[in-house]
Amino acid sequence: MELYLIPNDPVNTTFISSDGFLRYWVRTSRPLSSLRACSSIIQRPVAHATNDQETLGEITWGGLGRHSVIHSDLFRGRAEVAGGKPVKVRDLLIKTVYRLGLVSSSRCFIGNDEEEYVWKFCKGTGFQVFRTGSVKAIYEHSPSHVAKGVFKGQFKTCLRIHPSCTLDTDILVMTFIIMEKKRWDSLGDQVNVATDKEDSVVEASGMEGGSGLM
């Protein structure tokens, strides 16, 4: 399965499948005060009702000595979120060293299948997810020319989920947003923030698109 980011901005974007349907969207609020943290809400359409949506989680981004935290039922089984408490991002995506080719740093997490997985950024390719101990990526993020579907012939940033992937797609999308946001923050002004020409959701989705902090 392919999910395309429109626009290419991890905290204000939509995830569109190759058949033109909206699968997820992310909106980030701008705080009234610079001393307050901004929050990103991740939602998806309710099955068979594209005008209704359910919230998968909310990420409050850290800064000025604060830790980034996430509120989501996706991670309800973790001890850190028992009783409805948020989990710190650093406890969800744990820093580790995982050597594979030129990649030496990564973050690992436990999937819904209780297996350990590793997020790594591969220069020239993008983010990838591996099951710990495996050299075969089950999830890839990279910009590329689209060969088929509603975006055929266009250059888009794509999340490609391999058929062998047994991880919950909701968890993959949620953790990807965190990893890509951290990468953008580390690059600062160097990051390419140019968005796709199609910065609104295709009409086939039945939803409104948009970009920019609200």
C-alpha atoms as a PDB file:
ATOM      1  CA  MET A   1       0.000   0.000   0.000  1.00  0.00           C
ATOM      2  CA  GLU A   2       1.179   3.525  -0.817  1.00  0.00           C
ATOM      3  CA  LEU A   3       0.236   6.637   1.136  1.00  0.00           C
ATOM      4  CA  TYR A   4       1.141  10.031  -0.351  1.00  0.00           C
ATOM      5  CA  LEU A   5       1.788  13.126   1.776  1.00  0.00           C
ATOM      6  CA  ILE A   6      -0.033  16.174   0.418  1.00  0.00           C
ATOM      7  CA  PRO A   7       1.522  18.591   1.181  1.00  0.00           C
ATOM      8  CA  ASN A   8       4.924  17.291   2.240  1.00  0.00           C
ATOM      9  CA  ASP A   9       4.774  18.625   5.800  1.00  0.00           C
ATOM     10  CA  PRO A  10       4.662  16.063   8.639  1.00  0.00           C
ATOM     11  CA  VAL A  11       2.585  18.200  11.021  1.00  0.00           C
ATOM     12  CA  ASN A  12       0.090  19.682   8.535  1.00  0.00           C
ATOM     13  CA  THR A  13      -0.698  17.143   5.872  1.00  0.00           C
ATOM     14  CA  THR A  14      -3.029  14.522   4.469  1.00  0.00           C
ATOM     15  CA  PHE A  15      -2.192  10.900   3.666  1.00  0.00           C
ATOM     16  CA  ILE A  16      -3.829   9.895   0.379  1.00  0.00           C
ATOM     17  CA  SER A  17      -3.876   6.344  -1.005  1.00  0.00           C
ATOM     18  CA  SER A  18      -3.090   5.594  -4.651  1.00  0.00           C
ATOM     19  CA  ASP A  19      -6.817   5.265  -5.415  1.00  0.00           C
ATOM     20  CA  GLY A  20      -7.356   8.885  -4.347  1.00  0.00           C
ATOM     21  CA  PHE A  21      -8.998   8.375  -0.962  1.00  0.00           C
ATOM     22  CA  LEU A  22      -8.023  10.246   2.166  1.00  0.00           C
ATOM     23  CA  ARG A  23      -6.736   7.846   4.844  1.00  0.00           C
ATOM     24  CA  TYR A  24      -5.275  10.163   7.514  1.00  0.00           C
ATOM     25  CA  TRP A  25      -4.786  13.836   8.151  1.00  0.00           C
ATOM     26  CA  VAL A  26      -2.701  15.838  10.586  1.00  0.00           C
ATOM     27  CA  ARG A  27      -3.386  19.345  11.858  1.00  0.00           C
ATOM     28  CA  THR A  28      -1.153  21.361  14.169  1.00  0.00           C
ATOM     29  CA  SER A  29      -2.319  24.342  16.198  1.00  0.00           C
ATOM     30  CA  ARG A  30      -0.140  27.366  16.768  1.00  0.00           C
ATOM     31  CA  PRO A  31      -0.144  28.442  20.463  1.00  0.00           C
ATOM     32  CA  LEU A  32      -1.109  31.997  21.345  1.00  0.00           C
ATOM     33  CA  SER A  33       2.054  32.317  23.426  1.00  0.00           C
ATOM     34  CA  SER A  34       5.569  31.209  22.521  1.00  0.00           C
ATOM     35  CA  LEU A  35       5.798  29.769  26.029  1.00  0.00           C
ATOM     36  CA  ARG A  36       3.058  27.255  25.249  1.00  0.00           C
ATOM     37  CA  ALA A  37       3.629  24.045  23.323  1.00  0.00           C
ATOM     38  CA  CYS A  38       1.950  23.358  19.996  1.00  0.00           C
ATOM     39  CA  SER A  39      -0.095  20.194  19.512  1.00  0.00           C
ATOM     40  CA  SER A  40      -0.742  17.974  16.503  1.00  0.00           C
ATOM     41  CA  ILE A  41      -3.970  16.004  16.111  1.00  0.00           C
ATOM     42  CA  ILE A  42      -3.984  12.879  13.940  1.00  0.00           C
ATOM     43  CA  GLN A  43      -7.354  11.769  12.557  1.00  0.00           C
ATOM     44  CA  ARG A  44      -8.819   9.416   9.980  1.00  0.00           C
ATOM     45  CA  PRO A  45     -12.230   9.031   8.318  1.00  0.00           C
ATOM     46  CA  VAL A  46     -14.722   6.702   9.972  1.00  0.00           C
ATOM     47  CA  ALA A  47     -15.356   3.672   7.757  1.00  0.00           C
ATOM     48  CA  HIS A  48     -18.077   4.292   5.153  1.00  0.00           C
ATOM     49  CA  ALA A  49     -18.610   7.849   6.411  1.00  0.00           C
ATOM     50  CA  THR A  50     -15.997  10.174   4.950  1.00  0.00           C
ATOM     51  CA  ASN A  51     -17.532  13.273   6.534  1.00  0.00           C
ATOM     52  CA  ASP A  52     -17.020  11.879  10.028  1.00  0.00           C
ATOM     53  CA  GLN A  53     -13.647  11.313  11.605  1.00  0.00           C
ATOM     54  CA  GLU A  54     -12.060   9.702  14.615  1.00  0.00           C
ATOM     55  CA  THR A  55      -9.038  10.994  16.466  1.00  0.00           C
ATOM     56  CA  LEU A  56      -6.167   8.518  16.710  1.00  0.00           C
ATOM     57  CA  GLY A  57      -4.056  10.658  18.991  1.00  0.00           C
ATOM     58  CA  GLU A  58      -2.671  14.025  19.942  1.00  0.00           C
ATOM     59  CA  ILE A  59       1.012  14.888  20.195  1.00  0.00           C
ATOM     60  CA  THR A  60       2.114  17.819  22.343  1.00  0.00           C
ATOM     61  CA  TRP A  61       5.545  18.858  21.162  1.00  0.00           C
ATOM     62  CA  GLY A  62       8.195  19.653  23.746  1.00  0.00           C
ATOM     63  CA  GLY A  63      10.514  22.605  24.100  1.00  0.00           C
ATOM     64  CA  LEU A  64      11.997  24.873  26.767  1.00  0.00           C
ATOM     65  CA  GLY A  65      12.693  21.922  29.033  1.00  0.00           C
ATOM     66  CA  ARG A  66       9.440  20.082  28.275  1.00  0.00           C
ATOM     67  CA  HIS A  67       9.222  16.561  26.880  1.00  0.00           C
ATOM     68  CA  SER A  68       7.068  15.754  23.862  1.00  0.00           C
ATOM     69  CA  VAL A  69       4.136  13.565  24.925  1.00  0.00           C
ATOM     70  CA  ILE A  70       1.464  11.609  23.113  1.00  0.00           C
ATOM     71  CA  HIS A  71      -2.138  10.875  24.093  1.00  0.00           C
ATOM     72  CA  SER A  72      -3.490   7.866  22.203  1.00  0.00           C
ATOM     73  CA  ASP A  73      -5.426   4.666  22.810  1.00  0.00           C
ATOM     74  CA  LEU A  74      -3.061   3.004  20.324  1.00  0.00           C
ATOM     75  CA  PHE A  75      -0.536   2.706  23.138  1.00  0.00           C
ATOM     76  CA  ARG A  76      -2.992   1.978  25.938  1.00  0.00           C
ATOM     77  CA  GLY A  77      -1.304  -1.346  26.688  1.00  0.00           C
ATOM     78  CA  ARG A  78       1.927   0.340  27.754  1.00  0.00           C
ATOM     79  CA  ALA A  79       2.560   0.870  31.445  1.00  0.00           C
ATOM     80  CA  GLU A  80       3.280   4.549  30.846  1.00  0.00           C
ATOM     81  CA  VAL A  81      -0.248   5.235  29.645  1.00  0.00           C
ATOM     82  CA  ALA A  82      -2.118   3.267  32.287  1.00  0.00           C
ATOM     83  CA  GLY A  83      -4.957   5.325  33.683  1.00  0.00           C
ATOM     84  CA  GLY A  84      -5.121   7.561  30.625  1.00  0.00           C
ATOM     85  CA  LYS A  85      -1.810   9.296  31.256  1.00  0.00           C
ATOM     86  CA  PRO A  86       0.191  10.465  28.232  1.00  0.00           C
ATOM     87  CA  VAL A  87       3.388   8.685  27.282  1.00  0.00           C
ATOM     88  CA  LYS A  88       6.624  10.558  26.672  1.00  0.00           C
ATOM     89  CA  VAL A  89       7.797  10.245  23.096  1.00  0.00           C
ATOM     90  CA  ARG A  90      11.269   9.295  24.316  1.00  0.00           C
ATOM     91  CA  ASP A  91       9.716   6.307  26.148  1.00  0.00           C
ATOM     92  CA  LEU A  92       7.701   5.250  23.121  1.00  0.00           C
ATOM     93  CA  LEU A  93      10.497   5.605  20.560  1.00  0.00           C
ATOM     94  CA  ILE A  94      13.649   4.591  22.376  1.00  0.00           C
ATOM     95  CA  LYS A  95      17.056   5.732  21.185  1.00  0.00           C
ATOM     96  CA  THR A  96      19.341   2.865  20.288  1.00  0.00           C
ATOM     97  CA  VAL A  97      22.299   1.960  18.100  1.00  0.00           C
ATOM     98  CA  TYR A  98      21.485  -0.363  15.225  1.00  0.00           C
ATOM     99  CA  ARG A  99      24.235  -0.798  12.654  1.00  0.00           C
ATOM    100  CA  LEU A 100      23.110  -1.654   9.151  1.00  0.00           C
ATOM    101  CA  GLY A 101      25.204  -0.402   6.278  1.00  0.00           C
ATOM    102  CA  LEU A 102      25.817   3.314   6.782  1.00  0.00           C
ATOM    103  CA  VAL A 103      23.093   3.679   9.388  1.00  0.00           C
ATOM    104  CA  SER A 104      24.286   3.850  12.999  1.00  0.00           C
ATOM    105  CA  SER A 105      21.490   5.541  14.957  1.00  0.00           C
ATOM    106  CA  SER A 106      17.797   4.806  15.195  1.00  0.00           C
ATOM    107  CA  ARG A 107      14.803   4.513  17.480  1.00  0.00           C
ATOM    108  CA  CYS A 108      13.061   1.297  18.374  1.00  0.00           C
ATOM    109  CA  PHE A 109       9.483   0.629  19.448  1.00  0.00           C
ATOM    110  CA  ILE A 110       7.176  -2.271  20.265  1.00  0.00           C
ATOM    111  CA  GLY A 111       4.443  -2.986  17.734  1.00  0.00           C
ATOM    112  CA  ASN A 112       0.895  -4.187  18.267  1.00  0.00           C
ATOM    113  CA  ASP A 113       2.197  -7.721  17.642  1.00  0.00           C
ATOM    114  CA  GLU A 114       4.627  -7.354  20.589  1.00  0.00           C
ATOM    115  CA  GLU A 115       7.592  -7.501  18.200  1.00  0.00           C
ATOM    116  CA  GLU A 116      10.385  -4.915  18.354  1.00  0.00           C
ATOM    117  CA  TYR A 117      10.848  -2.671  15.331  1.00  0.00           C
ATOM    118  CA  VAL A 118      13.421  -0.063  14.399  1.00  0.00           C
ATOM    119  CA  TRP A 119      12.971   3.281  12.638  1.00  0.00           C
ATOM    120  CA  LYS A 120      16.082   4.361  10.745  1.00  0.00           C
ATOM    121  CA  PHE A 121      16.843   7.194   8.369  1.00  0.00           C
ATOM    122  CA  CYS A 122      18.827   6.041   5.348  1.00  0.00           C
ATOM    123  CA  LYS A 123      20.564   8.881   3.529  1.00  0.00           C
ATOM    124  CA  GLY A 124      19.443   9.117  -0.068  1.00  0.00           C
ATOM    125  CA  THR A 125      16.404   6.944   0.606  1.00  0.00           C
ATOM    126  CA  GLY A 126      14.439   8.174   3.612  1.00  0.00           C
ATOM    127  CA  PHE A 127      12.983   6.574   6.705  1.00  0.00           C
ATOM    128  CA  GLN A 128      12.600   2.811   6.850  1.00  0.00           C
ATOM    129  CA  VAL A 129      11.196   0.368   9.395  1.00  0.00           C
ATOM    130  CA  PHE A 130      12.839  -2.977  10.079  1.00  0.00           C
ATOM    131  CA  ARG A 131      11.910  -5.776  12.412  1.00  0.00           C
ATOM    132  CA  THR A 132      14.813  -6.066  14.856  1.00  0.00           C
ATOM    133  CA  GLY A 133      17.325  -8.567  13.498  1.00  0.00           C
ATOM    134  CA  SER A 134      16.040  -8.345   9.915  1.00  0.00           C
ATOM    135  CA  VAL A 135      17.641  -6.590   6.941  1.00  0.00           C
ATOM    136  CA  LYS A 136      14.400  -6.351   4.960  1.00  0.00           C
ATOM    137  CA  ALA A 137      12.465  -3.097   5.244  1.00  0.00           C
ATOM    138  CA  ILE A 138       8.726  -3.461   5.758  1.00  0.00           C
ATOM    139  CA  TYR A 139       7.964   0.257   5.505  1.00  0.00           C
ATOM    140  CA  GLU A 140       9.674   2.967   3.483  1.00  0.00           C
ATOM    141  CA  HIS A 141       9.359   6.728   3.166  1.00  0.00           C
ATOM    142  CA  SER A 142      10.839   8.460   0.161  1.00  0.00           C
ATOM    143  CA  PRO A 143      10.120  10.976  -2.600  1.00  0.00           C
ATOM    144  CA  SER A 144       9.711   9.357  -6.011  1.00  0.00           C
ATOM    145  CA  HIS A 145       7.907   9.488  -9.339  1.00  0.00           C
ATOM    146  CA  VAL A 146       4.551   7.747  -9.160  1.00  0.00           C
ATOM    147  CA  ALA A 147       4.095   4.877 -11.622  1.00  0.00           C
ATOM    148  CA  LYS A 148       0.348   4.299 -11.236  1.00  0.00           C
ATOM    149  CA  GLY A 149      -2.802   5.538  -9.545  1.00  0.00           C
ATOM    150  CA  VAL A 150      -4.303   9.028  -9.354  1.00  0.00           C
ATOM    151  CA  PHE A 151      -0.847  10.620  -9.023  1.00  0.00           C
ATOM    152  CA  LYS A 152       0.711   8.765 -11.963  1.00  0.00           C
ATOM    153  CA  GLY A 153       3.593  10.688 -13.516  1.00  0.00           C
ATOM    154  CA  GLN A 154       3.911  13.094 -10.594  1.00  0.00           C
ATOM    155  CA  PHE A 155       6.723  13.444  -8.068  1.00  0.00           C
ATOM    156  CA  LYS A 156       5.367  12.760  -4.583  1.00  0.00           C
ATOM    157  CA  THR A 157       6.583  11.881  -1.115  1.00  0.00           C
ATOM    158  CA  CYS A 158       5.309   8.395  -0.405  1.00  0.00           C
ATOM    159  CA  LEU A 159       4.998   6.016   2.530  1.00  0.00           C
ATOM    160  CA  ARG A 160       5.207   2.508   1.099  1.00  0.00           C
ATOM    161  CA  ILE A 161       3.946  -0.355   3.251  1.00  0.00           C
ATOM    162  CA  HIS A 162       5.135  -3.771   2.097  1.00  0.00           C
ATOM    163  CA  PRO A 163       2.697  -6.709   1.916  1.00  0.00           C
ATOM    164  CA  SER A 164       4.709  -8.594   4.544  1.00  0.00           C
ATOM    165  CA  CYS A 165       4.091  -5.851   7.121  1.00  0.00           C
ATOM    166  CA  THR A 166       1.916  -7.038  10.025  1.00  0.00           C
ATOM    167  CA  LEU A 167       2.158  -3.823  12.022  1.00  0.00           C
ATOM    168  CA  ASP A 168      -0.931  -1.702  12.617  1.00  0.00           C
ATOM    169  CA  THR A 169      -0.867   1.050   9.974  1.00  0.00           C
ATOM    170  CA  ASP A 170      -2.157   3.557  12.548  1.00  0.00           C
ATOM    171  CA  ILE A 171       0.960   2.962  14.677  1.00  0.00           C
ATOM    172  CA  LEU A 172       3.238   3.275  11.650  1.00  0.00           C
ATOM    173  CA  VAL A 173       1.698   6.596  10.636  1.00  0.00           C
ATOM    174  CA  MET A 174       1.750   7.973  14.179  1.00  0.00           C
ATOM    175  CA  THR A 175       5.397   7.071  14.795  1.00  0.00           C
ATOM    176  CA  PHE A 176       6.406   8.294  11.329  1.00  0.00           C
ATOM    177  CA  ILE A 177       4.981  11.737  12.080  1.00  0.00           C
ATOM    178  CA  ILE A 178       7.124  11.904  15.214  1.00  0.00           C
ATOM    179  CA  MET A 179      10.297  10.758  13.453  1.00  0.00           C
ATOM    180  CA  GLU A 180       9.871  13.121  10.494  1.00  0.00           C
ATOM    181  CA  LYS A 181       9.020  16.075  12.751  1.00  0.00           C
ATOM    182  CA  LYS A 182      12.222  15.462  14.713  1.00  0.00           C
ATOM    183  CA  ARG A 183      14.217  15.295  11.479  1.00  0.00           C
ATOM    184  CA  TRP A 184      12.756  18.585  10.243  1.00  0.00           C
ATOM    185  CA  ASP A 185      13.519  20.230  13.582  1.00  0.00           C
ATOM    186  CA  SER A 186      17.133  19.055  13.460  1.00  0.00           C
ATOM    187  CA  LEU A 187      17.613  20.412   9.932  1.00  0.00           C
ATOM    188  CA  GLY A 188      16.078  23.801  10.700  1.00  0.00           C
ATOM    189  CA  ASP A 189      16.343  26.165   7.725  1.00  0.00           C
ATOM    190  CA  GLN A 190      18.016  23.454   5.658  1.00  0.00           C
ATOM    191  CA  VAL A 191      14.858  21.388   5.348  1.00  0.00           C
ATOM    192  CA  ASN A 192      13.101  21.524   2.024  1.00  0.00           C
ATOM    193  CA  VAL A 193       9.669  22.800   2.954  1.00  0.00           C
ATOM    194  CA  ALA A 194       8.446  23.137  -0.604  1.00  0.00           C
ATOM    195  CA  THR A 195       5.056  21.472  -0.843  1.00  0.00           C
ATOM    196  CA  ASP A 196       3.528  19.536  -3.708  1.00  0.00           C
ATOM    197  CA  LYS A 197       1.554  21.546  -6.248  1.00  0.00           C
ATOM    198  CA  GLU A 198      -1.486  19.555  -5.182  1.00  0.00           C
ATOM    199  CA  ASP A 199      -1.659  20.902  -1.621  1.00  0.00           C
ATOM    200  CA  SER A 200      -5.320  20.078  -1.285  1.00  0.00           C
ATOM    201  CA  VAL A 201      -6.920  16.672  -1.092  1.00  0.00           C
ATOM    202  CA  VAL A 202      -8.102  15.222  -4.377  1.00  0.00           C
ATOM    203  CA  GLU A 203     -11.826  15.539  -4.940  1.00  0.00           C
ATOM    204  CA  ALA A 204     -12.259  11.778  -4.862  1.00  0.00           C
ATOM    205  CA  SER A 205     -11.641  11.771  -1.115  1.00  0.00           C
ATOM    206  CA  GLY A 206     -14.648  13.920  -0.352  1.00  0.00           C
ATOM    207  CA  MET A 207     -12.630  15.837   2.257  1.00  0.00           C
ATOM    208  CA  GLU A 208     -11.083  19.291   2.361  1.00  0.00           C
ATOM    209  CA  GLY A 209      -7.330  19.669   2.337  1.00  0.00           C
ATOM    210  CA  GLY A 210      -5.087  22.459   3.550  1.00  0.00           C
ATOM    211  CA  SER A 211      -1.653  23.364   4.763  1.00  0.00           C
ATOM    212  CA  GLY A 212       0.110  25.645   7.172  1.00  0.00           C
ATOM    213  CA  LEU A 213      -0.146  26.121  10.899  1.00  0.00           C
ATOM    214  CA  MET A 214      -3.585  27.177  12.053  1.00  0.00           C
END
